[in-house]
C-alpha cells in the first residue's frame, strides 16, 4: 500500500520544506512511482504552494527541480553496471 502524507501547506511553512516536498513529488512523477491524477495533483499543489510563498525565489525553485532530476537519475542507475571510460 502506498500512503501519501497530506500536509497543510501555508505561508508559515518554511520555504525549504516546500521545495523539498515539491522535489519529492516531481521525482515520484518522473519515476512513475506515483501514477494517476493523485500524484500529478500532489505535484501541482506543491508547485502552487512554492510559487505563492513569500520567500519564493527562482533560484530555489530551479535547485528543487535539479534535485528531483538528480534523485531520479540515481534511481535509474541503481542496479545497472557502472559505465567507465576505460574499455578493455
N, C-alpha and C. Protein backbone atom coordinates (compact mmCIF):
# COMPACT_ATOMS: atom_id res chain seq x y z
N UNK A 1 0.83 -1.19 0.00
CA UNK A 1 0.00 0.00 0.00
C UNK A 1 0.87 1.24 0.00
N UNK A 2 0.40 2.24 -0.67
CA UNK A 2 1.13 3.49 -0.74
C UNK A 2 0.39 4.52 0.10
N UNK A 3 1.08 5.07 1.07
CA UNK A 3 0.49 6.10 1.91
C UNK A 3 1.13 7.42 1.56
N UNK A 4 0.32 8.40 1.30
CA UNK A 4 0.81 9.73 0.96
C UNK A 4 0.41 10.66 2.08
N UNK A 5 1.39 11.35 2.62
CA UNK A 5 1.07 12.28 3.70
C UNK A 5 0.49 13.55 3.10
N UNK A 6 -0.55 14.01 3.69
CA UNK A 6 -1.19 15.24 3.24
C UNK A 6 -0.90 16.31 4.26
N UNK A 7 -0.03 17.21 3.91
CA UNK A 7 0.33 18.30 4.80
C UNK A 7 -0.41 19.55 4.36
N UNK A 8 -0.77 20.33 5.34
CA UNK A 8 -1.37 21.62 5.02
C UNK A 8 -0.22 22.57 4.76
N UNK A 9 -0.15 23.06 3.54
CA UNK A 9 0.93 23.97 3.18
C UNK A 9 0.42 25.39 3.30
N UNK A 10 1.07 26.13 4.13
CA UNK A 10 0.65 27.51 4.33
C UNK A 10 1.85 28.43 4.24
N UNK A 11 1.59 29.70 4.36
CA UNK A 11 2.69 30.66 4.28
C UNK A 11 3.61 30.55 5.49
N UNK A 12 3.15 29.88 6.57
CA UNK A 12 4.00 29.70 7.74
C UNK A 12 4.96 28.52 7.58
N UNK A 13 4.74 27.68 6.56
CA UNK A 13 5.63 26.57 6.29
C UNK A 13 6.93 27.13 5.73
N UNK A 14 8.05 26.62 6.24
CA UNK A 14 9.35 27.11 5.78
C UNK A 14 9.53 26.77 4.30
N UNK A 15 10.07 27.67 3.54
CA UNK A 15 10.20 27.51 2.10
C UNK A 15 11.05 26.29 1.75
N UNK A 16 12.07 25.98 2.55
CA UNK A 16 12.92 24.82 2.24
C UNK A 16 12.12 23.52 2.33
N UNK A 17 11.17 23.45 3.25
CA UNK A 17 10.31 22.27 3.35
C UNK A 17 9.40 22.17 2.13
N UNK A 18 8.94 23.29 1.64
CA UNK A 18 8.10 23.29 0.44
C UNK A 18 8.89 22.89 -0.80
N UNK A 19 10.12 23.39 -0.91
CA UNK A 19 10.97 22.99 -2.04
C UNK A 19 11.22 21.48 -2.01
N UNK A 20 11.48 20.94 -0.81
CA UNK A 20 11.74 19.50 -0.66
C UNK A 20 10.51 18.69 -1.03
N UNK A 21 9.34 19.12 -0.58
CA UNK A 21 8.08 18.42 -0.90
C UNK A 21 7.81 18.47 -2.41
N UNK A 22 8.07 19.62 -3.03
CA UNK A 22 7.91 19.76 -4.48
C UNK A 22 8.87 18.82 -5.21
N UNK A 23 10.14 18.80 -4.79
CA UNK A 23 11.14 17.94 -5.42
C UNK A 23 10.74 16.47 -5.29
N UNK A 24 10.24 16.07 -4.13
CA UNK A 24 9.80 14.68 -3.94
C UNK A 24 8.65 14.33 -4.86
N UNK A 25 7.70 15.24 -4.99
CA UNK A 25 6.54 15.00 -5.85
C UNK A 25 6.97 14.90 -7.31
N UNK A 26 7.87 15.77 -7.73
CA UNK A 26 8.37 15.75 -9.11
C UNK A 26 9.14 14.47 -9.38
N UNK A 27 10.00 14.08 -8.44
CA UNK A 27 10.76 12.83 -8.59
C UNK A 27 9.83 11.63 -8.74
N UNK A 28 8.78 11.58 -7.93
CA UNK A 28 7.83 10.46 -7.99
C UNK A 28 7.12 10.40 -9.34
N UNK A 29 6.77 11.55 -9.87
CA UNK A 29 6.12 11.58 -11.18
C UNK A 29 7.12 11.16 -12.27
N UNK A 30 8.35 11.65 -12.18
CA UNK A 30 9.37 11.27 -13.15
C UNK A 30 9.65 9.77 -13.11
N UNK A 31 9.67 9.21 -11.92
CA UNK A 31 9.98 7.80 -11.75
C UNK A 31 8.75 6.92 -11.98
N UNK A 32 7.63 7.55 -12.21
CA UNK A 32 6.37 6.84 -12.42
C UNK A 32 6.03 5.96 -11.23
N UNK A 33 6.54 6.35 -10.04
CA UNK A 33 6.18 5.66 -8.81
C UNK A 33 4.77 6.03 -8.39
N UNK A 34 4.35 7.18 -8.81
CA UNK A 34 3.04 7.67 -8.42
C UNK A 34 2.32 8.07 -9.70
N UNK A 35 1.54 7.14 -10.22
CA UNK A 35 0.84 7.40 -11.46
C UNK A 35 -0.59 7.82 -11.17
N UNK A 36 -1.16 8.51 -12.11
CA UNK A 36 -2.55 8.90 -11.98
C UNK A 36 -2.72 10.33 -11.56
N UNK A 37 -3.98 10.73 -11.48
CA UNK A 37 -4.28 12.13 -11.16
C UNK A 37 -3.87 12.55 -9.75
N UNK A 38 -3.84 11.62 -8.82
CA UNK A 38 -3.46 11.98 -7.44
C UNK A 38 -2.02 12.46 -7.37
N UNK A 39 -1.11 11.76 -8.04
CA UNK A 39 0.30 12.16 -7.99
C UNK A 39 0.53 13.47 -8.73
N UNK A 40 -0.14 13.63 -9.85
CA UNK A 40 0.00 14.89 -10.59
C UNK A 40 -0.66 16.03 -9.81
N UNK A 41 -1.70 15.72 -9.09
CA UNK A 41 -2.34 16.73 -8.24
C UNK A 41 -1.41 17.16 -7.12
N UNK A 42 -0.71 16.18 -6.53
CA UNK A 42 0.26 16.49 -5.48
C UNK A 42 1.34 17.40 -6.04
N UNK A 43 1.82 17.08 -7.24
CA UNK A 43 2.84 17.92 -7.86
C UNK A 43 2.31 19.34 -8.09
N UNK A 44 1.11 19.44 -8.59
CA UNK A 44 0.51 20.76 -8.85
C UNK A 44 0.31 21.54 -7.56
N UNK A 45 -0.16 20.87 -6.50
CA UNK A 45 -0.37 21.55 -5.21
C UNK A 45 0.94 22.04 -4.62
N UNK A 46 1.97 21.19 -4.65
CA UNK A 46 3.24 21.61 -4.07
C UNK A 46 3.88 22.73 -4.88
N UNK A 47 3.74 22.67 -6.20
CA UNK A 47 4.27 23.74 -7.05
C UNK A 47 3.57 25.06 -6.75
N UNK A 48 2.25 25.02 -6.62
CA UNK A 48 1.49 26.24 -6.31
C UNK A 48 1.88 26.81 -4.95
N UNK A 49 2.08 25.93 -3.97
CA UNK A 49 2.46 26.39 -2.63
C UNK A 49 3.83 27.05 -2.66
N UNK A 50 4.75 26.47 -3.40
CA UNK A 50 6.10 27.04 -3.52
C UNK A 50 6.02 28.42 -4.19
N UNK A 51 5.30 28.49 -5.30
CA UNK A 51 5.23 29.75 -6.07
C UNK A 51 4.54 30.87 -5.28
N UNK A 52 3.60 30.51 -4.40
CA UNK A 52 2.86 31.53 -3.64
C UNK A 52 3.58 31.97 -2.37
N UNK A 53 4.58 31.23 -1.95
CA UNK A 53 5.25 31.53 -0.68
C UNK A 53 5.97 32.87 -0.76
N UNK A 54 5.95 33.59 0.33
CA UNK A 54 6.58 34.92 0.38
C UNK A 54 8.08 34.87 0.13
N UNK A 55 8.73 33.76 0.48
CA UNK A 55 10.18 33.64 0.32
C UNK A 55 10.58 32.91 -0.97
N UNK A 56 9.64 32.75 -1.90
CA UNK A 56 9.91 32.07 -3.17
C UNK A 56 11.00 32.79 -3.95
N UNK A 57 11.89 31.98 -4.56
CA UNK A 57 12.87 32.54 -5.48
C UNK A 57 13.03 31.58 -6.66
N UNK A 58 13.28 32.12 -7.81
CA UNK A 58 13.51 31.28 -9.00
C UNK A 58 14.69 30.36 -8.76
N UNK A 59 15.71 30.88 -8.11
CA UNK A 59 16.91 30.09 -7.85
C UNK A 59 16.57 28.86 -7.01
N UNK A 60 15.83 29.04 -5.92
CA UNK A 60 15.44 27.92 -5.07
C UNK A 60 14.56 26.93 -5.80
N UNK A 61 13.66 27.45 -6.63
CA UNK A 61 12.77 26.60 -7.42
C UNK A 61 13.56 25.73 -8.39
N UNK A 62 14.52 26.34 -9.09
CA UNK A 62 15.33 25.58 -10.04
C UNK A 62 16.24 24.57 -9.33
N UNK A 63 16.72 24.91 -8.14
CA UNK A 63 17.51 23.95 -7.36
C UNK A 63 16.66 22.74 -6.98
N UNK A 64 15.39 22.97 -6.63
CA UNK A 64 14.50 21.87 -6.28
C UNK A 64 14.26 20.97 -7.50
N UNK A 65 14.11 21.57 -8.66
CA UNK A 65 13.93 20.79 -9.89
C UNK A 65 15.19 19.98 -10.17
N UNK A 66 16.35 20.61 -10.03
CA UNK A 66 17.61 19.91 -10.25
C UNK A 66 17.77 18.75 -9.28
N UNK A 67 17.40 18.96 -8.01
CA UNK A 67 17.50 17.89 -7.02
C UNK A 67 16.59 16.72 -7.41
N UNK A 68 15.38 17.01 -7.87
CA UNK A 68 14.46 15.95 -8.28
C UNK A 68 15.03 15.13 -9.43
N UNK A 69 15.62 15.80 -10.41
CA UNK A 69 16.20 15.09 -11.54
C UNK A 69 17.41 14.27 -11.13
N UNK A 70 18.24 14.80 -10.21
CA UNK A 70 19.39 14.03 -9.73
C UNK A 70 18.94 12.79 -8.98
N UNK A 71 17.91 12.92 -8.15
CA UNK A 71 17.39 11.77 -7.42
C UNK A 71 16.80 10.75 -8.39
N UNK A 72 16.08 11.22 -9.38
CA UNK A 72 15.50 10.33 -10.39
C UNK A 72 16.60 9.60 -11.16
N UNK A 73 17.64 10.35 -11.54
CA UNK A 73 18.75 9.75 -12.27
C UNK A 73 19.44 8.68 -11.43
N UNK A 74 19.63 8.94 -10.13
CA UNK A 74 20.24 7.96 -9.24
C UNK A 74 19.37 6.71 -9.16
N UNK A 75 18.07 6.88 -9.15
CA UNK A 75 17.16 5.74 -9.13
C UNK A 75 17.30 4.92 -10.41
N UNK A 76 17.53 5.58 -11.53
CA UNK A 76 17.68 4.89 -12.81
C UNK A 76 18.97 4.08 -12.86
N UNK A 77 19.99 4.56 -12.17
CA UNK A 77 21.30 3.92 -12.21
C UNK A 77 21.46 2.79 -11.20
N UNK A 78 20.52 2.63 -10.28
CA UNK A 78 20.60 1.56 -9.30
C UNK A 78 20.47 0.23 -10.01
N UNK A 79 21.43 -0.64 -9.79
CA UNK A 79 21.38 -1.96 -10.39
C UNK A 79 21.96 -2.06 -11.79
N UNK A 80 22.25 -0.94 -12.40
CA UNK A 80 22.86 -1.00 -13.75
C UNK A 80 24.37 -1.00 -13.60
N UNK A 81 25.07 -1.67 -14.51
CA UNK A 81 26.54 -1.69 -14.42
C UNK A 81 27.11 -0.29 -14.55
N UNK A 82 28.15 -0.05 -13.81
CA UNK A 82 28.79 1.27 -13.88
C UNK A 82 29.43 1.45 -15.24
N UNK A 83 29.27 2.63 -15.75
CA UNK A 83 29.89 2.97 -17.04
C UNK A 83 31.25 3.58 -16.75
N UNK A 84 32.24 3.07 -17.40
CA UNK A 84 33.58 3.61 -17.22
C UNK A 84 34.10 4.11 -18.56
N UNK A 85 35.09 4.93 -18.47
CA UNK A 85 35.69 5.45 -19.70
C UNK A 85 36.73 4.49 -20.24
N UNK A 86 37.10 3.49 -19.43
CA UNK A 86 38.10 2.53 -19.87
C UNK A 86 37.43 1.38 -20.59
N UNK A 87 37.92 1.02 -21.74
CA UNK A 87 37.41 -0.11 -22.49
C UNK A 87 38.47 -1.20 -22.48
N UNK A 88 38.10 -2.41 -22.12
CA UNK A 88 39.08 -3.48 -22.05
C UNK A 88 38.99 -4.35 -23.27
